[in-house]
Amino acid sequence: MRYAYILLGLSLAATAAYSAEETHVFTDAQKTFWSLQPAVKPPVPAVKNKQWVKNPIDAFVLAKLEEKQLQPNKPADKVTLLRQ
């Protein structure tokens, strides 16, 4: 266990030394990369069968089903859920 702490300390020291040497300057193209953008909540799609929707995720699923002219399955009974 002691060796793990020594290894952890050495790796943290190496990381600190590396980050102290490097100054990261991002280009404009790098700044527009998707993972560097703030997260934005998309608008919840409007659906026809509003009774089926219990939360916003359901609305996204149902919108895709309606787009493909499909209907969601009926809710499973307790025995079927226990089988899984």
Protein backbone atom coordinates (compact mmCIF):
# COMPACT_ATOMS: atom_id res chain seq x y z
CA MET A 1 0.00 0.00 0.00
CA ARG A 2 2.90 2.31 0.78
CA TYR A 3 4.18 1.89 -2.77
CA ALA A 4 0.82 2.97 -4.14
CA TYR A 5 1.03 6.22 -2.18
CA ILE A 6 4.58 6.81 -3.40
CA LEU A 7 3.53 6.16 -7.00
CA LEU A 8 0.54 8.45 -6.62
CA GLY A 9 2.72 11.20 -5.18
CA LEU A 10 5.25 10.89 -7.98
CA SER A 11 2.56 10.98 -10.64
CA LEU A 12 0.98 14.08 -9.08
CA ALA A 13 4.37 15.77 -8.91
CA ALA A 14 5.06 14.91 -12.56
CA THR A 15 1.65 16.24 -13.58
CA ALA A 16 2.21 19.48 -11.69
CA ALA A 17 5.65 19.92 -13.24
CA TYR A 18 4.29 19.27 -16.73
CA SER A 19 1.37 21.67 -16.37
CA ALA A 20 3.66 24.35 -14.96
CA GLU A 21 5.85 24.17 -18.07
CA GLU A 22 3.05 24.18 -20.61
CA THR A 23 0.83 27.13 -21.37
CA HIS A 24 -2.13 26.05 -23.45
CA VAL A 25 -3.30 28.55 -26.02
CA PHE A 26 -6.29 27.37 -28.02
CA THR A 27 -6.91 28.45 -31.60
CA ASP A 28 -10.32 29.74 -32.65
CA ALA A 29 -11.04 26.43 -34.37
CA GLN A 30 -10.22 24.53 -31.19
CA LYS A 31 -12.43 26.82 -29.10
CA THR A 32 -15.46 25.96 -31.27
CA PHE A 33 -15.03 22.20 -30.77
CA TRP A 34 -18.30 20.59 -29.62
CA SER A 35 -17.01 19.35 -26.26
CA LEU A 36 -15.89 22.83 -25.25
CA GLN A 37 -19.34 24.36 -25.82
CA PRO A 38 -21.70 24.88 -22.88
CA ALA A 39 -24.44 22.30 -22.55
CA VAL A 40 -27.80 23.51 -23.83
CA LYS A 41 -31.11 21.81 -23.13
CA PRO A 42 -32.94 21.14 -26.40
CA PRO A 43 -36.62 22.02 -26.57
CA VAL A 44 -38.92 19.12 -25.74
CA PRO A 45 -40.67 18.01 -28.94
CA ALA A 46 -44.43 18.28 -29.27
CA VAL A 47 -46.17 14.91 -29.53
CA LYS A 48 -49.70 13.77 -30.33
CA ASN A 49 -50.13 11.21 -27.53
CA LYS A 50 -49.49 13.47 -24.54
CA GLN A 51 -50.95 10.93 -22.08
CA TRP A 52 -48.09 8.48 -22.75
CA VAL A 53 -45.41 11.04 -21.84
CA LYS A 54 -44.36 10.86 -18.18
CA ASN A 55 -41.12 12.88 -18.46
CA PRO A 56 -39.22 14.87 -21.12
CA ILE A 57 -37.24 11.80 -22.23
CA ASP A 58 -40.50 10.04 -23.07
CA ALA A 59 -41.38 12.96 -25.35
CA PHE A 60 -38.16 12.49 -27.33
CA VAL A 61 -38.78 8.73 -27.65
CA LEU A 62 -42.41 9.21 -28.66
CA ALA A 63 -41.51 11.91 -31.19
CA LYS A 64 -39.21 9.43 -32.98
CA LEU A 65 -41.87 6.72 -32.84
CA GLU A 66 -44.49 9.07 -34.28
CA GLU A 67 -42.02 10.19 -36.95
CA LYS A 68 -41.79 6.55 -38.08
CA GLN A 69 -45.55 6.08 -37.67
CA LEU A 70 -45.13 3.58 -34.82
CA GLN A 71 -46.99 3.24 -31.54
CA PRO A 72 -45.39 2.53 -28.16
CA ASN A 73 -46.06 -0.83 -26.53
CA LYS A 74 -48.45 -1.15 -23.63
CA PRO A 75 -46.84 -1.05 -20.18
CA ALA A 76 -45.53 -4.44 -19.06
CA ASP A 77 -47.20 -6.19 -16.14
CA LYS A 78 -45.28 -6.95 -12.94
CA VAL A 79 -44.62 -10.60 -13.81
CA THR A 80 -43.06 -9.65 -17.13
CA LEU A 81 -40.88 -7.04 -15.43
CA LEU A 82 -39.73 -9.63 -12.85
CA ARG A 83 -38.63 -11.98 -15.66
CA GLN A 84 -36.03 -9.50 -16.77
